[in-house]
């Protein structure tokens, strides 16, 4: 009797507990209709590197400076558990494969171009789905912009001039 009374006062399951399950899930798929000029001989399993271009300067740089062939791939929301209004889930990035370049025997490099930023609460699920879609990609490069005001410098170094396009790489990626 005392246990049932205590459970009414302090329930076993509390509303304040953090839910470890993701609120959203993404899935990688191959579209039925390929865009004009799309490369169809490349599969995601063959790609050895992944370049993710943020919206804005990085997307413009990648689309103008790199020889790219569009791919009929999509990374879309398959399950969303919360009813949300803002921010909405991101649209699928546009996927491309680099044409030419590279040394003989190297696998293709895939470039994912984002049209908008991925909301922070969906970023982990989005990144996990993206990385699992390309299992052979041992190198991941993020291209995005950093505003001059946000750049931290050590003593005496000058901040870069805006706009500044950056790519980050650390030794931790090799582990």
C-alpha atoms as a PDB file:
ATOM      1  CA  UNK A   1       0.000   0.000   0.000  1.00  0.00           C
ATOM      2  CA  UNK A   2       2.773   2.426   0.863  1.00  0.00           C
ATOM      3  CA  UNK A   3       4.499   1.734  -2.512  1.00  0.00           C
ATOM      4  CA  UNK A   4       1.446   2.683  -4.541  1.00  0.00           C
ATOM      5  CA  UNK A   5       1.137   5.872  -2.502  1.00  0.00           C
ATOM      6  CA  UNK A   6       4.825   6.707  -3.116  1.00  0.00           C
ATOM      7  CA  UNK A   7       4.462   6.078  -6.859  1.00  0.00           C
ATOM      8  CA  UNK A   8       1.674   8.632  -7.023  1.00  0.00           C
ATOM      9  CA  UNK A   9       3.917  11.174  -5.324  1.00  0.00           C
ATOM     10  CA  UNK A  10       7.117  10.301  -7.256  1.00  0.00           C
ATOM     11  CA  UNK A  11       6.281   8.412 -10.442  1.00  0.00           C
ATOM     12  CA  UNK A  12       8.784   5.935 -11.864  1.00  0.00           C
ATOM     13  CA  UNK A  13       8.819   7.788 -15.187  1.00  0.00           C
ATOM     14  CA  UNK A  14       9.242  11.530 -14.932  1.00  0.00           C
ATOM     15  CA  UNK A  15       8.474  14.124 -17.557  1.00  0.00           C
ATOM     16  CA  UNK A  16      11.750  15.842 -16.707  1.00  0.00           C
ATOM     17  CA  UNK A  17      13.898  12.904 -17.868  1.00  0.00           C
ATOM     18  CA  UNK A  18      15.894  13.481 -21.029  1.00  0.00           C
ATOM     19  CA  UNK A  19      14.851  11.363 -23.957  1.00  0.00           C
ATOM     20  CA  UNK A  20      17.906   9.842 -25.634  1.00  0.00           C
ATOM     21  CA  UNK A  21      16.048   8.806 -28.772  1.00  0.00           C
ATOM     22  CA  UNK A  22      16.414  11.237 -31.672  1.00  0.00           C
ATOM     23  CA  UNK A  23      13.430  13.385 -32.554  1.00  0.00           C
ATOM     24  CA  UNK A  24      14.031  12.945 -36.258  1.00  0.00           C
ATOM     25  CA  UNK A  25      15.548  10.334 -38.561  1.00  0.00           C
ATOM     26  CA  UNK A  26      17.032  10.785 -42.005  1.00  0.00           C
ATOM     27  CA  UNK A  27      17.495   8.213 -44.748  1.00  0.00           C
ATOM     28  CA  UNK A  28      19.716   8.199 -47.808  1.00  0.00           C
ATOM     29  CA  UNK A  29      18.060   7.109 -51.049  1.00  0.00           C
ATOM     30  CA  UNK A  30      18.660   6.987 -54.779  1.00  0.00           C
ATOM     31  CA  UNK A  31      16.052   8.885 -56.769  1.00  0.00           C
ATOM     32  CA  UNK A  32      14.269   7.131 -59.612  1.00  0.00           C
ATOM     33  CA  UNK A  33      14.699  10.039 -62.008  1.00  0.00           C
ATOM     34  CA  UNK A  34      18.256  11.227 -62.508  1.00  0.00           C
ATOM     35  CA  UNK A  35      19.016  14.880 -63.333  1.00  0.00           C
ATOM     36  CA  UNK A  36      20.349  15.737 -66.766  1.00  0.00           C
ATOM     37  CA  UNK A  37      24.051  14.937 -67.035  1.00  0.00           C
ATOM     38  CA  UNK A  38      23.998  12.792 -63.908  1.00  0.00           C
ATOM     39  CA  UNK A  39      26.695  10.225 -63.415  1.00  0.00           C
ATOM     40  CA  UNK A  40      25.101   6.847 -62.812  1.00  0.00           C
ATOM     41  CA  UNK A  41      28.172   4.627 -62.771  1.00  0.00           C
ATOM     42  CA  UNK A  42      29.215   5.782 -59.284  1.00  0.00           C
ATOM     43  CA  UNK A  43      27.693   4.233 -56.176  1.00  0.00           C
ATOM     44  CA  UNK A  44      27.865   5.774 -52.682  1.00  0.00           C
ATOM     45  CA  UNK A  45      29.892   2.789 -51.474  1.00  0.00           C
ATOM     46  CA  UNK A  46      32.733   3.676 -53.890  1.00  0.00           C
ATOM     47  CA  UNK A  47      33.258   7.261 -52.703  1.00  0.00           C
ATOM     48  CA  UNK A  48      36.482   7.693 -50.723  1.00  0.00           C
ATOM     49  CA  UNK A  49      35.987  11.299 -49.575  1.00  0.00           C
ATOM     50  CA  UNK A  50      33.061  13.529 -48.698  1.00  0.00           C
ATOM     51  CA  UNK A  51      32.990  17.311 -49.009  1.00  0.00           C
ATOM     52  CA  UNK A  52      30.081  19.054 -47.265  1.00  0.00           C
ATOM     53  CA  UNK A  53      29.510  22.619 -48.451  1.00  0.00           C
ATOM     54  CA  UNK A  54      27.506  24.960 -46.251  1.00  0.00           C
ATOM     55  CA  UNK A  55      25.028  27.405 -47.771  1.00  0.00           C
ATOM     56  CA  UNK A  56      26.293  30.624 -49.274  1.00  0.00           C
ATOM     57  CA  UNK A  57      29.965  31.148 -50.084  1.00  0.00           C
ATOM     58  CA  UNK A  58      30.998  27.495 -49.821  1.00  0.00           C
ATOM     59  CA  UNK A  59      28.180  26.336 -52.109  1.00  0.00           C
ATOM     60  CA  UNK A  60      29.027  29.026 -54.651  1.00  0.00           C
ATOM     61  CA  UNK A  61      32.713  28.139 -54.529  1.00  0.00           C
ATOM     62  CA  UNK A  62      32.089  24.412 -55.019  1.00  0.00           C
ATOM     63  CA  UNK A  63      29.640  24.881 -57.873  1.00  0.00           C
ATOM     64  CA  UNK A  64      31.943  27.285 -59.747  1.00  0.00           C
ATOM     65  CA  UNK A  65      35.437  25.992 -59.007  1.00  0.00           C
ATOM     66  CA  UNK A  66      35.010  22.230 -59.063  1.00  0.00           C
ATOM     67  CA  UNK A  67      34.101  20.079 -62.087  1.00  0.00           C
ATOM     68  CA  UNK A  68      31.023  18.301 -60.731  1.00  0.00           C
ATOM     69  CA  UNK A  69      28.478  15.837 -62.109  1.00  0.00           C
ATOM     70  CA  UNK A  70      25.056  15.774 -60.392  1.00  0.00           C
ATOM     71  CA  UNK A  71      23.945  12.543 -58.747  1.00  0.00           C
ATOM     72  CA  UNK A  72      20.394  11.236 -58.224  1.00  0.00           C
ATOM     73  CA  UNK A  73      20.771  10.893 -54.447  1.00  0.00           C
ATOM     74  CA  UNK A  74      18.702  12.301 -51.580  1.00  0.00           C
ATOM     75  CA  UNK A  75      18.980  12.563 -47.797  1.00  0.00           C
ATOM     76  CA  UNK A  76      15.476  13.165 -46.509  1.00  0.00           C
ATOM     77  CA  UNK A  77      13.444  13.008 -43.313  1.00  0.00           C
ATOM     78  CA  UNK A  78      11.761   9.633 -42.791  1.00  0.00           C
ATOM     79  CA  UNK A  79      10.525  10.043 -39.230  1.00  0.00           C
ATOM     80  CA  UNK A  80       9.802  13.104 -37.171  1.00  0.00           C
ATOM     81  CA  UNK A  81       8.377  12.528 -33.704  1.00  0.00           C
ATOM     82  CA  UNK A  82       7.862  16.098 -32.571  1.00  0.00           C
ATOM     83  CA  UNK A  83       5.260  18.368 -34.047  1.00  0.00           C
ATOM     84  CA  UNK A  84       7.351  21.338 -35.028  1.00  0.00           C
ATOM     85  CA  UNK A  85       6.821  24.561 -36.880  1.00  0.00           C
ATOM     86  CA  UNK A  86      10.245  26.204 -36.741  1.00  0.00           C
ATOM     87  CA  UNK A  87      12.906  25.451 -37.789  1.00  0.00           C
ATOM     88  CA  UNK A  88      11.686  23.021 -40.417  1.00  0.00           C
ATOM     89  CA  UNK A  89      13.731  19.942 -41.334  1.00  0.00           C
ATOM     90  CA  UNK A  90      16.392  20.693 -43.955  1.00  0.00           C
ATOM     91  CA  UNK A  91      15.835  19.947 -47.603  1.00  0.00           C
ATOM     92  CA  UNK A  92      18.001  17.251 -49.095  1.00  0.00           C
ATOM     93  CA  UNK A  93      21.460  18.481 -50.083  1.00  0.00           C
ATOM     94  CA  UNK A  94      22.357  18.376 -53.747  1.00  0.00           C
ATOM     95  CA  UNK A  95      24.876  15.612 -54.345  1.00  0.00           C
ATOM     96  CA  UNK A  96      27.645  15.753 -56.928  1.00  0.00           C
ATOM     97  CA  UNK A  97      30.644  13.615 -57.838  1.00  0.00           C
ATOM     98  CA  UNK A  98      33.916  15.221 -58.840  1.00  0.00           C
ATOM     99  CA  UNK A  99      34.831  14.685 -62.482  1.00  0.00           C
ATOM    100  CA  UNK A 100      38.423  14.173 -63.573  1.00  0.00           C
ATOM    101  CA  UNK A 101      41.379  15.091 -61.389  1.00  0.00           C
ATOM    102  CA  UNK A 102      42.904  12.828 -58.800  1.00  0.00           C
ATOM    103  CA  UNK A 103      45.413  10.091 -59.302  1.00  0.00           C
ATOM    104  CA  UNK A 104      44.699   6.852 -61.128  1.00  0.00           C
ATOM    105  CA  UNK A 105      43.177   4.232 -58.862  1.00  0.00           C
ATOM    106  CA  UNK A 106      41.608   6.722 -56.456  1.00  0.00           C
ATOM    107  CA  UNK A 107      37.906   6.456 -55.837  1.00  0.00           C
ATOM    108  CA  UNK A 108      35.435   9.258 -56.540  1.00  0.00           C
ATOM    109  CA  UNK A 109      34.849  12.221 -54.240  1.00  0.00           C
ATOM    110  CA  UNK A 110      31.261  13.160 -53.406  1.00  0.00           C
ATOM    111  CA  UNK A 111      30.262  16.772 -52.757  1.00  0.00           C
ATOM    112  CA  UNK A 112      27.088  17.539 -50.760  1.00  0.00           C
ATOM    113  CA  UNK A 113      25.870  21.118 -51.229  1.00  0.00           C
ATOM    114  CA  UNK A 114      23.450  22.457 -48.623  1.00  0.00           C
ATOM    115  CA  UNK A 115      20.818  25.035 -49.532  1.00  0.00           C
ATOM    116  CA  UNK A 116      20.196  25.985 -45.885  1.00  0.00           C
ATOM    117  CA  UNK A 117      21.733  25.297 -42.511  1.00  0.00           C
ATOM    118  CA  UNK A 118      20.784  22.117 -40.656  1.00  0.00           C
ATOM    119  CA  UNK A 119      18.984  22.994 -37.375  1.00  0.00           C
ATOM    120  CA  UNK A 120      21.063  22.221 -34.298  1.00  0.00           C
ATOM    121  CA  UNK A 121      18.600  19.761 -32.790  1.00  0.00           C
ATOM    122  CA  UNK A 122      18.672  17.718 -36.007  1.00  0.00           C
ATOM    123  CA  UNK A 123      22.390  17.984 -36.736  1.00  0.00           C
ATOM    124  CA  UNK A 124      23.491  14.758 -35.033  1.00  0.00           C
ATOM    125  CA  UNK A 125      20.875  12.609 -36.784  1.00  0.00           C
ATOM    126  CA  UNK A 126      21.577  14.327 -40.119  1.00  0.00           C
ATOM    127  CA  UNK A 127      25.347  13.854 -39.852  1.00  0.00           C
ATOM    128  CA  UNK A 128      24.971  10.228 -38.781  1.00  0.00           C
ATOM    129  CA  UNK A 129      22.753   9.443 -41.775  1.00  0.00           C
ATOM    130  CA  UNK A 130      25.098  11.269 -44.154  1.00  0.00           C
ATOM    131  CA  UNK A 131      28.232   9.522 -42.915  1.00  0.00           C
ATOM    132  CA  UNK A 132      26.603   6.079 -42.901  1.00  0.00           C
ATOM    133  CA  UNK A 133      25.563   6.568 -46.537  1.00  0.00           C
ATOM    134  CA  UNK A 134      29.235   6.739 -47.579  1.00  0.00           C
ATOM    135  CA  UNK A 135      30.978   3.922 -45.656  1.00  0.00           C
ATOM    136  CA  UNK A 136      34.221   4.095 -47.666  1.00  0.00           C
ATOM    137  CA  UNK A 137      34.646   7.855 -47.170  1.00  0.00           C
ATOM    138  CA  UNK A 138      37.701   8.046 -44.923  1.00  0.00           C
ATOM    139  CA  UNK A 139      38.100  11.810 -45.294  1.00  0.00           C
ATOM    140  CA  UNK A 140      35.398  14.373 -44.607  1.00  0.00           C
ATOM    141  CA  UNK A 141      35.928  18.049 -45.420  1.00  0.00           C
ATOM    142  CA  UNK A 142      33.559  20.784 -44.266  1.00  0.00           C
ATOM    143  CA  UNK A 143      33.530  24.011 -46.285  1.00  0.00           C
ATOM    144  CA  UNK A 144      31.796  26.960 -44.693  1.00  0.00           C
ATOM    145  CA  UNK A 145      32.376  30.606 -43.912  1.00  0.00           C
ATOM    146  CA  UNK A 146      33.499  32.187 -40.670  1.00  0.00           C
ATOM    147  CA  UNK A 147      32.861  35.852 -40.065  1.00  0.00           C
ATOM    148  CA  UNK A 148      35.810  37.977 -39.033  1.00  0.00           C
ATOM    149  CA  UNK A 149      34.223  38.851 -35.691  1.00  0.00           C
ATOM    150  CA  UNK A 150      33.960  35.161 -34.812  1.00  0.00           C
ATOM    151  CA  UNK A 151      37.582  34.321 -35.619  1.00  0.00           C
ATOM    152  CA  UNK A 152      39.715  33.819 -32.498  1.00  0.00           C
ATOM    153  CA  UNK A 153      43.366  34.710 -32.923  1.00  0.00           C
ATOM    154  CA  UNK A 154      46.359  34.170 -30.718  1.00  0.00           C
ATOM    155  CA  UNK A 155      48.498  37.140 -29.716  1.00  0.00           C
ATOM    156  CA  UNK A 156      49.457  39.442 -32.535  1.00  0.00           C
ATOM    157  CA  UNK A 157      47.839  37.560 -35.425  1.00  0.00           C
ATOM    158  CA  UNK A 158      45.524  39.412 -37.773  1.00  0.00           C
ATOM    159  CA  UNK A 159      42.026  38.209 -38.464  1.00  0.00           C
ATOM    160  CA  UNK A 160      41.247  37.238 -42.080  1.00  0.00           C
ATOM    161  CA  UNK A 161      39.388  39.633 -44.328  1.00  0.00           C
ATOM    162  CA  UNK A 162      35.701  38.881 -44.924  1.00  0.00           C
ATOM    163  CA  UNK A 163      34.374  36.909 -46.645  1.00  0.00           C
ATOM    164  CA  UNK A 164      36.725  34.088 -45.765  1.00  0.00           C
ATOM    165  CA  UNK A 165      36.108  30.556 -46.952  1.00  0.00           C
ATOM    166  CA  UNK A 166      37.504  27.926 -44.616  1.00  0.00           C
ATOM    167  CA  UNK A 167      37.976  24.202 -44.515  1.00  0.00           C
ATOM    168  CA  UNK A 168      38.735  22.464 -41.220  1.00  0.00           C
ATOM    169  CA  UNK A 169      40.799  19.327 -40.746  1.00  0.00           C
ATOM    170  CA  UNK A 170      42.317  17.904 -37.603  1.00  0.00           C
ATOM    171  CA  UNK A 171      44.501  14.926 -36.769  1.00  0.00           C
ATOM    172  CA  UNK A 172      41.552  13.422 -34.870  1.00  0.00           C
ATOM    173  CA  UNK A 173      39.943  12.471 -38.186  1.00  0.00           C
ATOM    174  CA  UNK A 174      42.838  10.086 -38.838  1.00  0.00           C
ATOM    175  CA  UNK A 175      42.173   8.072 -35.681  1.00  0.00           C
END
